Amino acid sequence: MRILIGILFTICFSQIALADTTYVCTQDGMERKIEVAYLGTDKVPCEVRYTKNGDTQILWTAQAEEGYCEAKAAEFVEKQRGWGWECVESAAVMSEPPEMAEPTPPLVPEEQGLE
């Protein structure tokens, strides 16, 4: 029973994805987004996405080096600020794993009518 609970616990928490980091930059009514998107449950693989005028480009990607996407995004945000954009980090919504059914507890003898 303990093994089953341990396995279920591991499965549930291994599917929790990291929250993407998004910066929103504005200037004269225009908006740009710089986003660090995590493609799994860890910090890598990841990609830095840049959205301008509704078009999204992937500027950088990392497969193994943790912190690479975050550093590149931060550098790009600073460039935007240098060009006169006001950039703020926005609250990102964490992607959630698919709903999992609650495990049914085993019946105890009283519930089975085996008293």
PDB file of N, CA and C in Angstrom:
ATOM      1  N   MET A   1       0.828  -1.197   0.000  1.00  0.00           N
ATOM      2  CA  MET A   1       0.000   0.000   0.000  1.00  0.00           C
ATOM      3  C   MET A   1       0.872   1.261   0.000  1.00  0.00           C
ATOM      4  N   ARG A   2       1.935   1.226   0.814  1.00  0.00           N
ATOM      5  CA  ARG A   2       2.820   2.393   0.851  1.00  0.00           C
ATOM      6  C   ARG A   2       3.470   2.634  -0.504  1.00  0.00           C
ATOM      7  N   ILE A   3       3.803   1.553  -1.181  1.00  0.00           N
ATOM      8  CA  ILE A   3       4.418   1.692  -2.499  1.00  0.00           C
ATOM      9  C   ILE A   3       3.441   2.341  -3.471  1.00  0.00           C
ATOM     10  N   LEU A   4       2.184   1.920  -3.433  1.00  0.00           N
ATOM     11  CA  LEU A   4       1.166   2.486  -4.313  1.00  0.00           C
ATOM     12  C   LEU A   4       0.995   3.981  -4.057  1.00  0.00           C
ATOM     13  N   ILE A   5       0.942   4.364  -2.803  1.00  0.00           N
ATOM     14  CA  ILE A   5       0.805   5.783  -2.457  1.00  0.00           C
ATOM     15  C   ILE A   5       2.023   6.555  -2.945  1.00  0.00           C
ATOM     16  N   GLY A   6       3.201   5.996  -2.759  1.00  0.00           N
ATOM     17  CA  GLY A   6       4.424   6.649  -3.225  1.00  0.00           C
ATOM     18  C   GLY A   6       4.442   6.839  -4.731  1.00  0.00           C
ATOM     19  N   ILE A   7       4.001   5.829  -5.451  1.00  0.00           N
ATOM     20  CA  ILE A   7       3.958   5.921  -6.911  1.00  0.00           C
ATOM     21  C   ILE A   7       2.960   6.983  -7.353  1.00  0.00           C
ATOM     22  N   LEU A   8       1.776   6.989  -6.760  1.00  0.00           N
ATOM     23  CA  LEU A   8       0.765   8.000  -7.107  1.00  0.00           C
ATOM     24  C   LEU A   8       1.258   9.407  -6.795  1.00  0.00           C
ATOM     25  N   PHE A   9       1.908   9.582  -5.664  1.00  0.00           N
ATOM     26  CA  PHE A   9       2.452  10.877  -5.263  1.00  0.00           C
ATOM     27  C   PHE A   9       3.480  11.347  -6.290  1.00  0.00           C
ATOM     28  N   THR A  10       4.367  10.456  -6.689  1.00  0.00           N
ATOM     29  CA  THR A  10       5.401  10.794  -7.661  1.00  0.00           C
ATOM     30  C   THR A  10       4.799  11.170  -9.003  1.00  0.00           C
ATOM     31  N   ILE A  11       3.819  10.414  -9.455  1.00  0.00           N
ATOM     32  CA  ILE A  11       3.180  10.702 -10.737  1.00  0.00           C
ATOM     33  C   ILE A  11       2.501  12.064 -10.707  1.00  0.00           C
ATOM     34  N   CYS A  12       1.775  12.345  -9.651  1.00  0.00           N
ATOM     35  CA  CYS A  12       1.049  13.619  -9.551  1.00  0.00           C
ATOM     36  C   CYS A  12       1.999  14.804  -9.592  1.00  0.00           C
ATOM     37  N   PHE A  13       3.060  14.756  -8.811  1.00  0.00           N
ATOM     38  CA  PHE A  13       3.933  15.905  -8.707  1.00  0.00           C
ATOM     39  C   PHE A  13       4.961  15.978  -9.817  1.00  0.00           C
ATOM     40  N   SER A  14       5.206  14.907 -10.526  1.00  0.00           N
ATOM     41  CA  SER A  14       6.150  14.966 -11.635  1.00  0.00           C
ATOM     42  C   SER A  14       5.536  15.661 -12.841  1.00  0.00           C
ATOM     43  N   GLN A  15       4.218  15.825 -12.871  1.00  0.00           N
ATOM     44  CA  GLN A  15       3.560  16.442 -14.010  1.00  0.00           C
ATOM     45  C   GLN A  15       3.293  17.927 -13.808  1.00  0.00           C
ATOM     46  N   ILE A  16       3.701  18.480 -12.695  1.00  0.00           N
ATOM     47  CA  ILE A  16       3.496  19.903 -12.468  1.00  0.00           C
ATOM     48  C   ILE A  16       4.536  20.672 -13.269  1.00  0.00           C
ATOM     49  N   ALA A  17       4.084  21.545 -14.146  1.00  0.00           N
ATOM     50  CA  ALA A  17       4.994  22.308 -14.990  1.00  0.00           C
ATOM     51  C   ALA A  17       5.400  23.602 -14.307  1.00  0.00           C
ATOM     52  N   LEU A  18       6.568  24.087 -14.677  1.00  0.00           N
ATOM     53  CA  LEU A  18       7.020  25.369 -14.168  1.00  0.00           C
ATOM     54  C   LEU A  18       6.199  26.480 -14.807  1.00  0.00           C
ATOM     55  N   ALA A  19       6.029  27.552 -14.073  1.00  0.00           N
ATOM     56  CA  ALA A  19       5.324  28.700 -14.625  1.00  0.00           C
ATOM     57  C   ALA A  19       6.255  29.433 -15.583  1.00  0.00           C
ATOM     58  N   ASP A  20       5.753  29.776 -16.749  1.00  0.00           N
ATOM     59  CA  ASP A  20       6.535  30.550 -17.699  1.00  0.00           C
ATOM     60  C   ASP A  20       6.754  31.946 -17.133  1.00  0.00           C
ATOM     61  N   THR A  21       7.876  32.569 -17.506  1.00  0.00           N
ATOM     62  CA  THR A  21       8.167  33.940 -17.103  1.00  0.00           C
ATOM     63  C   THR A  21       7.881  34.839 -18.295  1.00  0.00           C
ATOM     64  N   THR A  22       7.059  35.864 -18.087  1.00  0.00           N
ATOM     65  CA  THR A  22       6.688  36.759 -19.181  1.00  0.00           C
ATOM     66  C   THR A  22       6.965  38.202 -18.785  1.00  0.00           C
ATOM     67  N   TYR A  23       7.621  38.926 -19.689  1.00  0.00           N
ATOM     68  CA  TYR A  23       7.834  40.362 -19.527  1.00  0.00           C
ATOM     69  C   TYR A  23       6.983  41.059 -20.575  1.00  0.00           C
ATOM     70  N   VAL A  24       6.278  42.096 -20.160  1.00  0.00           N
ATOM     71  CA  VAL A  24       5.481  42.891 -21.087  1.00  0.00           C
ATOM     72  C   VAL A  24       6.133  44.264 -21.172  1.00  0.00           C
ATOM     73  N   CYS A  25       6.501  44.653 -22.388  1.00  0.00           N
ATOM     74  CA  CYS A  25       7.156  45.938 -22.618  1.00  0.00           C
ATOM     75  C   CYS A  25       6.204  46.833 -23.413  1.00  0.00           C
ATOM     76  N   THR A  26       6.071  48.080 -22.977  1.00  0.00           N
ATOM     77  CA  THR A  26       5.165  49.013 -23.650  1.00  0.00           C
ATOM     78  C   THR A  26       5.891  50.314 -23.969  1.00  0.00           C
ATOM     79  N   GLN A  27       5.443  50.942 -25.065  1.00  0.00           N
ATOM     80  CA  GLN A  27       5.960  52.251 -25.465  1.00  0.00           C
ATOM     81  C   GLN A  27       4.966  52.862 -26.449  1.00  0.00           C
ATOM     82  N   ASP A  28       4.486  54.057 -26.144  1.00  0.00           N
ATOM     83  CA  ASP A  28       3.577  54.787 -27.031  1.00  0.00           C
ATOM     84  C   ASP A  28       2.399  53.936 -27.511  1.00  0.00           C
ATOM     85  N   GLY A  29       1.790  53.191 -26.590  1.00  0.00           N
ATOM     86  CA  GLY A  29       0.629  52.382 -26.926  1.00  0.00           C
ATOM     87  C   GLY A  29       0.943  51.062 -27.615  1.00  0.00           C
ATOM     88  N   MET A  30       2.214  50.786 -27.849  1.00  0.00           N
ATOM     89  CA  MET A  30       2.604  49.512 -28.466  1.00  0.00           C
ATOM     90  C   MET A  30       3.029  48.540 -27.368  1.00  0.00           C
ATOM     91  N   GLU A  31       2.945  47.253 -27.674  1.00  0.00           N
ATOM     92  CA  GLU A  31       3.290  46.231 -26.685  1.00  0.00           C
ATOM     93  C   GLU A  31       4.177  45.158 -27.305  1.00  0.00           C
ATOM     94  N   ARG A  32       5.143  44.721 -26.523  1.00  0.00           N
ATOM     95  CA  ARG A  32       6.011  43.604 -26.893  1.00  0.00           C
ATOM     96  C   ARG A  32       6.018  42.632 -25.725  1.00  0.00           C
ATOM     97  N   LYS A  33       6.120  41.340 -26.018  1.00  0.00           N
ATOM     98  CA  LYS A  33       6.202  40.329 -24.961  1.00  0.00           C
ATOM     99  C   LYS A  33       7.471  39.520 -25.138  1.00  0.00           C
ATOM    100  N   ILE A  34       8.142  39.288 -24.030  1.00  0.00           N
ATOM    101  CA  ILE A  34       9.316  38.422 -23.993  1.00  0.00           C
ATOM    102  C   ILE A  34       8.992  37.346 -22.977  1.00  0.00           C
ATOM    103  N   GLU A  35       8.999  36.105 -23.423  1.00  0.00           N
ATOM    104  CA  GLU A  35       8.547  35.010 -22.564  1.00  0.00           C
ATOM    105  C   GLU A  35       9.575  33.892 -22.528  1.00  0.00           C
ATOM    106  N   VAL A  36       9.852  33.412 -21.313  1.00  0.00           N
ATOM    107  CA  VAL A  36      10.628  32.190 -21.152  1.00  0.00           C
ATOM    108  C   VAL A  36       9.611  31.074 -21.005  1.00  0.00           C
ATOM    109  N   ALA A  37       9.585  30.181 -21.974  1.00  0.00           N
ATOM    110  CA  ALA A  37       8.621  29.077 -21.967  1.00  0.00           C
ATOM    111  C   ALA A  37       9.349  27.779 -21.647  1.00  0.00           C
ATOM    112  N   TYR A  38       8.863  27.091 -20.621  1.00  0.00           N
ATOM    113  CA  TYR A  38       9.429  25.798 -20.241  1.00  0.00           C
ATOM    114  C   TYR A  38       8.640  24.716 -20.965  1.00  0.00           C
ATOM    115  N   LEU A  39       9.355  23.841 -21.639  1.00  0.00           N
ATOM    116  CA  LEU A  39       8.714  22.850 -22.498  1.00  0.00           C
ATOM    117  C   LEU A  39       8.461  21.523 -21.808  1.00  0.00           C
ATOM    118  N   GLY A  40       8.772  21.453 -20.536  1.00  0.00           N
ATOM    119  CA  GLY A  40       8.547  20.235 -19.769  1.00  0.00           C
ATOM    120  C   GLY A  40       8.332  20.589 -18.315  1.00  0.00           C
ATOM    121  N   THR A  41       8.722  19.695 -17.447  1.00  0.00           N
ATOM    122  CA  THR A  41       8.532  19.918 -16.015  1.00  0.00           C
ATOM    123  C   THR A  41       9.783  20.473 -15.349  1.00  0.00           C
ATOM    124  N   ASP A  42      10.860  20.642 -16.113  1.00  0.00           N
ATOM    125  CA  ASP A  42      12.110  21.181 -15.581  1.00  0.00           C
ATOM    126  C   ASP A  42      12.432  22.503 -16.262  1.00  0.00           C
ATOM    127  N   LYS A  43      13.569  23.100 -15.879  1.00  0.00           N
ATOM    128  CA  LYS A  43      13.967  24.381 -16.463  1.00  0.00           C
ATOM    129  C   LYS A  43      14.531  24.237 -17.870  1.00  0.00           C
ATOM    130  N   VAL A  44      14.822  23.034 -18.288  1.00  0.00           N
ATOM    131  CA  VAL A  44      15.209  22.762 -19.668  1.00  0.00           C
ATOM    132  C   VAL A  44      14.477  21.512 -20.123  1.00  0.00           C
ATOM    133  N   PRO A  45      14.095  21.421 -21.347  1.00  0.00           N
ATOM    134  CA  PRO A  45      14.302  22.390 -22.415  1.00  0.00           C
ATOM    135  C   PRO A  45      13.419  23.627 -22.229  1.00  0.00           C
ATOM    136  N   CYS A  46      13.887  24.729 -22.814  1.00  0.00           N
ATOM    137  CA  CYS A  46      13.149  25.992 -22.727  1.00  0.00           C
ATOM    138  C   CYS A  46      13.393  26.790 -24.001  1.00  0.00           C
ATOM    139  N   GLU A  47      12.598  27.837 -24.158  1.00  0.00           N
ATOM    140  CA  GLU A  47      12.809  28.743 -25.280  1.00  0.00           C
ATOM    141  C   GLU A  47      12.402  30.147 -24.877  1.00  0.00           C
ATOM    142  N   VAL A  48      13.027  31.131 -25.529  1.00  0.00           N
ATOM    143  CA  VAL A  48      12.678  32.536 -25.322  1.00  0.00           C
ATOM    144  C   VAL A  48      11.862  32.963 -26.531  1.00  0.00           C
ATOM    145  N   ARG A  49      10.635  33.387 -26.265  1.00  0.00           N
ATOM    146  CA  ARG A  49       9.716  33.809 -27.332  1.00  0.00           C
ATOM    147  C   ARG A  49       9.554  35.322 -27.280  1.00  0.00           C
ATOM    148  N   TYR A  50       9.519  35.939 -28.453  1.00  0.00           N
ATOM    149  CA  TYR A  50       9.352  37.383 -28.573  1.00  0.00           C
ATOM    150  C   TYR A  50       8.136  37.639 -29.446  1.00  0.00           C
ATOM    151  N   THR A  51       7.149  38.352 -28.895  1.00  0.00           N
ATOM    152  CA  THR A  51       5.930  38.650 -29.640  1.00  0.00           C
ATOM    153  C   THR A  51       5.876  40.141 -29.930  1.00  0.00           C
ATOM    154  N   LYS A  52       5.756  40.464 -31.217  1.00  0.00           N
ATOM    155  CA  LYS A  52       5.721  41.850 -31.694  1.00  0.00           C
ATOM    156  C   LYS A  52       4.674  41.923 -32.797  1.00  0.00           C
ATOM    157  N   ASN A  53       3.724  42.830 -32.657  1.00  0.00           N
ATOM    158  CA  ASN A  53       2.659  43.004 -33.655  1.00  0.00           C
ATOM    159  C   ASN A  53       1.919  41.698 -33.946  1.00  0.00           C
ATOM    160  N   GLY A  54       1.735  40.881 -32.913  1.00  0.00           N
ATOM    161  CA  GLY A  54       0.996  39.637 -33.064  1.00  0.00           C
ATOM    162  C   GLY A  54       1.801  38.468 -33.610  1.00  0.00           C
ATOM    163  N   ASP A  55       3.029  38.710 -34.036  1.00  0.00           N
ATOM    164  CA  ASP A  55       3.887  37.645 -34.555  1.00  0.00           C
ATOM    165  C   ASP A  55       4.866  37.204 -33.474  1.00  0.00           C
ATOM    166  N   THR A  56       4.970  35.900 -33.268  1.00  0.00           N
ATOM    167  CA  THR A  56       5.868  35.363 -32.248  1.00  0.00           C
ATOM    168  C   THR A  56       7.045  34.670 -32.914  1.00  0.00           C
ATOM    169  N   GLN A  57       8.238  35.012 -32.432  1.00  0.00           N
ATOM    170  CA  GLN A  57       9.472  34.385 -32.897  1.00  0.00           C
ATOM    171  C   GLN A  57      10.144  33.703 -31.717  1.00  0.00           C
ATOM    172  N   ILE A  58      10.839  32.621 -31.984  1.00  0.00           N
ATOM    173  CA  ILE A  58      11.665  31.983 -30.955  1.00  0.00           C
ATOM    174  C   ILE A  58      13.078  32.511 -31.154  1.00  0.00           C
ATOM    175  N   LEU A  59      13.571  33.252 -30.153  1.00  0.00           N
ATOM    176  CA  LEU A  59      14.887  33.874 -30.271  1.00  0.00           C
ATOM    177  C   LEU A  59      16.019  32.955 -29.819  1.00  0.00           C
ATOM    178  N   TRP A  60      15.799  32.223 -28.727  1.00  0.00           N
ATOM    179  CA  TRP A  60      16.821  31.327 -28.189  1.00  0.00           C
ATOM    180  C   TRP A  60      16.155  30.073 -27.640  1.00  0.00           C
ATOM    181  N   THR A  61      16.908  28.982 -27.648  1.00  0.00           N
ATOM    182  CA  THR A  61      16.449  27.739 -27.033  1.00  0.00           C
ATOM    183  C   THR A  61      17.604  27.110 -26.265  1.00  0.00           C
ATOM    184  N   ALA A  62      17.264  26.297 -25.291  1.00  0.00           N
ATOM    185  CA  ALA A  62      18.269  25.538 -24.541  1.00  0.00           C
ATOM    186  C   ALA A  62      17.725  24.144 -24.292  1.00  0.00           C
ATOM    187  N   GLN A  63      18.579  23.169 -24.446  1.00  0.00           N
ATOM    188  CA  GLN A  63      18.200  21.781 -24.201  1.00  0.00           C
ATOM    189  C   GLN A  63      18.770  21.253 -22.894  1.00  0.00           C
ATOM    190  N   ALA A  64      19.915  21.799 -22.451  1.00  0.00           N
ATOM    191  CA  ALA A  64      20.579  21.228 -21.280  1.00  0.00           C
ATOM    192  C   ALA A  64      21.063  22.258 -20.269  1.00  0.00           C
ATOM    193  N   GLU A  65      21.313  23.491 -20.689  1.00  0.00           N
ATOM    194  CA  GLU A  65      21.914  24.485 -19.795  1.00  0.00           C
ATOM    195  C   GLU A  65      20.846  25.268 -19.031  1.00  0.00           C
ATOM    196  N   GLU A  66      20.669  24.918 -17.755  1.00  0.00           N
ATOM    197  CA  GLU A  66      19.699  25.640 -16.926  1.00  0.00           C
ATOM    198  C   GLU A  66      20.141  27.088 -16.763  1.00  0.00           C
ATOM    199  N   GLY A  67      19.188  27.998 -16.806  1.00  0.00           N
ATOM    200  CA  GLY A  67      19.472  29.412 -16.623  1.00  0.00           C
ATOM    201  C   GLY A  67      19.761  30.158 -17.916  1.00  0.00           C
ATOM    202  N   TYR A  68      20.009  29.437 -19.002  1.00  0.00           N
ATOM    203  CA  TYR A  68      20.342  30.069 -20.280  1.00  0.00           C
ATOM    204  C   TYR A  68      19.187  30.924 -20.790  1.00  0.00           C
ATOM    205  N   CYS A  69      17.993  30.365 -20.838  1.00  0.00           N
ATOM    206  CA  CYS A  69      16.841  31.109 -21.357  1.00  0.00           C
ATOM    207  C   CYS A  69      16.530  32.322 -20.487  1.00  0.00           C
ATOM    208  N   GLU A  70      16.608  32.136 -19.171  1.00  0.00           N
ATOM    209  CA  GLU A  70      16.328  33.243 -18.254  1.00  0.00           C
ATOM    210  C   GLU A  70      17.328  34.384 -18.454  1.00  0.00           C
ATOM    211  N   ALA A  71      18.609  34.035 -18.625  1.00  0.00           N
ATOM    212  CA  ALA A  71      19.647  35.052 -18.820  1.00  0.00           C
ATOM    213  C   ALA A  71      19.449  35.788 -20.144  1.00  0.00           C
ATOM    214  N   LYS A  72      19.161  35.049 -21.206  1.00  0.00           N
ATOM    215  CA  LYS A  72      18.949  35.677 -22.514  1.00  0.00           C
ATOM    216  C   LYS A  72      17.727  36.589 -22.496  1.00  0.00           C
ATOM    217  N   ALA A  73      16.657  36.140 -21.848  1.00  0.00           N
ATOM    218  CA  ALA A  73      15.454  36.971 -21.752  1.00  0.00           C
ATOM    219  C   ALA A  73      15.749  38.247 -20.975  1.00  0.00           C
ATOM    220  N   ALA A  74      16.470  38.128 -19.859  1.00  0.00           N
ATOM    221  CA  ALA A  74      16.804  39.304 -19.042  1.00  0.00           C
ATOM    222  C   ALA A  74      17.668  40.289 -19.834  1.00  0.00           C
ATOM    223  N   GLU A  75      18.631  39.777 -20.602  1.00  0.00           N
ATOM    224  CA  GLU A  75      19.469  40.647 -21.439  1.00  0.00           C
ATOM    225  C   GLU A  75      18.619  41.372 -22.482  1.00  0.00           C
ATOM    226  N   PHE A  76      17.681  40.656 -23.083  1.00  0.00           N
ATOM    227  CA  PHE A  76      16.842  41.256 -24.116  1.00  0.00           C
ATOM    228  C   PHE A  76      15.895  42.296 -23.522  1.00  0.00           C
ATOM    229  N   VAL A  77      15.401  42.038 -22.319  1.00  0.00           N
ATOM    230  CA  VAL A  77      14.560  43.024 -21.626  1.00  0.00           C
ATOM    231  C   VAL A  77      15.363  44.304 -21.400  1.00  0.00           C
ATOM    232  N   GLU A  78      16.615  44.164 -20.985  1.00  0.00           N
ATOM    233  CA  GLU A  78      17.456  45.351 -20.764  1.00  0.00           C
ATOM    234  C   GLU A  78      17.696  46.109 -22.065  1.00  0.00           C
ATOM    235  N   LYS A  79      17.856  45.403 -23.180  1.00  0.00           N
ATOM    236  CA  LYS A  79      17.985  46.074 -24.482  1.00  0.00           C
ATOM    237  C   LYS A  79      16.725  46.873 -24.794  1.00  0.00           C
ATOM    238  N   GLN A  80      15.567  46.259 -24.555  1.00  0.00           N
ATOM    239  CA  GLN A  80      14.302  46.947 -24.801  1.00  0.00           C
ATOM    240  C   GLN A  80      14.220  48.224 -23.963  1.00  0.00           C
ATOM    241  N   ARG A  81      14.606  48.120 -22.709  1.00  0.00           N
ATOM    242  CA  ARG A  81      14.593  49.304 -21.830  1.00  0.00           C
ATOM    243  C   ARG A  81      15.540  50.378 -22.366  1.00  0.00           C
ATOM    244  N   GLY A  82      16.677  49.960 -22.874  1.00  0.00           N
ATOM    245  CA  GLY A  82      17.631  50.899 -23.460  1.00  0.00           C
ATOM    246  C   GLY A  82      17.073  51.607 -24.682  1.00  0.00           C
ATOM    247  N   TRP A  83      16.145  50.970 -25.373  1.00  0.00           N
ATOM    248  CA  TRP A  83      15.498  51.563 -26.537  1.00  0.00           C
ATOM    249  C   TRP A  83      14.258  52.367 -26.159  1.00  0.00           C
ATOM    250  N   GLY A  84      14.030  52.555 -24.839  1.00  0.00           N
ATOM    251  CA  GLY A  84      12.927  53.392 -24.382  1.00  0.00           C
ATOM    252  C   GLY A  84      11.653  52.660 -24.004  1.00  0.00           C
ATOM    253  N   TRP A  85      11.666  51.339 -24.022  1.00  0.00           N
ATOM    254  CA  TRP A  85      10.490  50.567 -23.645  1.00  0.00           C
ATOM    255  C   TRP A  85      10.438  50.423 -22.133  1.00  0.00           C
ATOM    256  N   GLU A  86       9.211  50.413 -21.598  1.00  0.00           N
ATOM    257  CA  GLU A  86       9.017  50.145 -20.169  1.00  0.00           C
ATOM    258  C   GLU A  86       8.586  48.688 -20.045  1.00  0.00           C
ATOM    259  N   CYS A  87       9.405  47.900 -19.348  1.00  0.00           N
ATOM    260  CA  CYS A  87       9.149  46.459 -19.252  1.00  0.00           C
ATOM    261  C   CYS A  87       8.896  46.050 -17.811  1.00  0.00           C
ATOM    262  N   VAL A  88       7.862  45.243 -17.622  1.00  0.00           N
ATOM    263  CA  VAL A  88       7.549  44.701 -16.302  1.00  0.00           C
ATOM    264  C   VAL A  88       7.288  43.208 -16.438  1.00  0.00           C
ATOM    265  N   GLU A  89       7.622  42.492 -15.386  1.00  0.00           N
ATOM    266  CA  GLU A  89       7.336  41.060 -15.371  1.00  0.00           C
ATOM    267  C   GLU A  89       5.873  40.888 -15.007  1.00  0.00           C
ATOM    268  N   SER A  90       5.162  40.131 -15.813  1.00  0.00           N
ATOM    269  CA  SER A  90       3.748  39.910 -15.521  1.00  0.00           C
ATOM    270  C   SER A  90       3.576  38.555 -14.869  1.00  0.00           C
ATOM    271  N   ALA A  91       2.476  38.415 -14.161  1.00  0.00           N
ATOM    272  CA  ALA A  91       2.180  37.139 -13.508  1.00  0.00           C
ATOM    273  C   ALA A  91       1.825  36.134 -14.584  1.00  0.00           C
ATOM    274  N   ALA A  92       2.567  35.060 -14.618  1.00  0.00           N
ATOM    275  CA  ALA A  92       2.301  34.010 -15.601  1.00  0.00           C
ATOM    276  C   ALA A  92       1.430  32.949 -14.966  1.00  0.00           C
ATOM    277  N   VAL A  93       0.596  32.369 -15.757  1.00  0.00           N
ATOM    278  CA  VAL A  93      -0.261  31.296 -15.276  1.00  0.00           C
ATOM    279  C   VAL A  93       0.493  29.986 -15.443  1.00  0.00           C
ATOM    280  N   MET A  94       0.563  29.233 -14.367  1.00  0.00           N
ATOM    281  CA  MET A  94       1.263  27.961 -14.429  1.00  0.00           C
ATOM    282  C   MET A  94       0.397  26.960 -15.165  1.00  0.00           C
ATOM    283  N   SER A  95       0.997  26.279 -16.118  1.00  0.00           N
ATOM    284  CA  SER A  95       0.225  25.256 -16.813  1.00  0.00           C
ATOM    285  C   SER A  95       0.009  24.088 -15.878  1.00  0.00           C
ATOM    286  N   GLU A  96      -1.191  23.579 -15.894  1.00  0.00           N
ATOM    287  CA  GLU A  96      -1.544  22.529 -14.953  1.00  0.00           C
ATOM    288  C   GLU A  96      -1.609  21.187 -15.649  1.00  0.00           C
ATOM    289  N   PRO A  97      -1.281  20.151 -14.914  1.00  0.00           N
ATOM    290  CA  PRO A  97      -1.375  18.821 -15.505  1.00  0.00           C
ATOM    291  C   PRO A  97      -2.827  18.448 -15.727  1.00  0.00           C
ATOM    292  N   PRO A  98      -3.078  17.474 -16.574  1.00  0.00           N
ATOM    293  CA  PRO A  98      -4.461  17.050 -16.774  1.00  0.00           C
ATOM    294  C   PRO A  98      -5.061  16.548 -15.474  1.00  0.00           C
ATOM    295  N   GLU A  99      -6.362  16.707 -15.357  1.00  0.00           N
ATOM    296  CA  GLU A  99      -7.048  16.254 -14.151  1.00  0.00           C
ATOM    297  C   GLU A  99      -6.860  14.756 -13.972  1.00  0.00           C
ATOM    298  N   MET A 100      -6.582  14.380 -12.747  1.00  0.00           N
ATOM    299  CA  MET A 100      -6.445  12.962 -12.441  1.00  0.00           C
ATOM    300  C   MET A 100      -7.540  12.586 -11.464  1.00  0.00           C
ATOM    301  N   ALA A 101      -8.106  11.441 -11.658  1.00  0.00           N
ATOM    302  CA  ALA A 101      -9.145  10.970 -10.750  1.00  0.00           C
ATOM    303  C   ALA A 101      -8.525  10.630  -9.411  1.00  0.00           C
ATOM    304  N   GLU A 102      -9.269  10.911  -8.363  1.00  0.00           N
ATOM    305  CA  GLU A 102      -8.811  10.546  -7.026  1.00  0.00           C
ATOM    306  C   GLU A 102      -8.793   9.029  -6.913  1.00  0.00           C
ATOM    307  N   PRO A 103      -7.732   8.473  -6.339  1.00  0.00           N
ATOM    308  CA  PRO A 103      -7.720   7.018  -6.183  1.00  0.00           C
ATOM    309  C   PRO A 103      -8.804   6.574  -5.214  1.00  0.00           C
ATOM    310  N   THR A 104      -9.432   5.473  -5.517  1.00  0.00           N
ATOM    311  CA  THR A 104     -10.466   4.929  -4.652  1.00  0.00           C
ATOM    312  C   THR A 104      -9.794   4.153  -3.535  1.00  0.00           C
ATOM    313  N   PRO A 105     -10.099   4.520  -2.276  1.00  0.00           N
ATOM    314  CA  PRO A 105      -9.469   3.795  -1.171  1.00  0.00           C
ATOM    315  C   PRO A 105      -9.989   2.367  -1.123  1.00  0.00           C
ATOM    316  N   PRO A 106      -9.150   1.439  -0.675  1.00  0.00           N
ATOM    317  CA  PRO A 106      -9.617   0.058  -0.576  1.00  0.00           C
ATOM    318  C   PRO A 106     -10.725  -0.044   0.462  1.00  0.00           C
ATOM    319  N   LEU A 107     -11.640  -0.956   0.235  1.00  0.00           N
ATOM    320  CA  LEU A 107     -12.742  -1.158   1.170  1.00  0.00           C
ATOM    321  C   LEU A 107     -12.229  -1.862   2.418  1.00  0.00           C
ATOM    322  N   VAL A 108     -12.701  -1.392   3.548  1.00  0.00           N
ATOM    323  CA  VAL A 108     -12.364  -2.063   4.805  1.00  0.00           C
ATOM    324  C   VAL A 108     -13.426  -3.123   5.058  1.00  0.00           C
ATOM    325  N   PRO A 109     -13.136  -4.126   5.855  1.00  0.00           N
ATOM    326  CA  PRO A 109     -14.089  -5.232   6.051  1.00  0.00           C
ATOM    327  C   PRO A 109     -15.499  -4.788   6.409  1.00  0.00           C
ATOM    328  N   GLU A 110     -15.657  -3.725   7.215  1.00  0.00           N
ATOM    329  CA  GLU A 110     -16.999  -3.294   7.610  1.00  0.00           C
ATOM    330  C   GLU A 110     -17.802  -2.853   6.397  1.00  0.00           C
ATOM    331  N   GLU A 111     -17.143  -2.185   5.420  1.00  0.00           N
ATOM    332  CA  GLU A 111     -17.836  -1.698   4.244  1.00  0.00           C
ATOM    333  C   GLU A 111     -18.164  -2.833   3.283  1.00  0.00           C
ATOM    334  N   GLN A 112     -17.451  -3.913   3.354  1.00  0.00           N
ATOM    335  CA  GLN A 112     -17.697  -5.045   2.467  1.00  0.00           C
ATOM    336  C   GLN A 112     -18.771  -5.975   3.021  1.00  0.00           C
ATOM    337  N   GLY A 113     -19.171  -5.734   4.235  1.00  0.00           N
ATOM    338  CA  GLY A 113     -20.156  -6.602   4.865  1.00  0.00           C
ATOM    339  C   GLY A 113     -19.546  -7.916   5.340  1.00  0.00           C
ATOM    340  N   LEU A 114     -18.253  -7.901   5.639  1.00  0.00           N
ATOM    341  CA  LEU A 114     -17.560  -9.117   6.059  1.00  0.00           C
ATOM    342  C   LEU A 114     -17.249  -9.106   7.549  1.00  0.00           C
ATOM    343  N   GLU A 115     -18.063  -8.544   8.335  1.00  0.00           N
ATOM    344  CA  GLU A 115     -17.775  -8.397   9.760  1.00  0.00           C
ATOM    345  C   GLU A 115     -17.605  -9.687  10.468  1.00  0.00           C
TER     346      GLU A 115
END
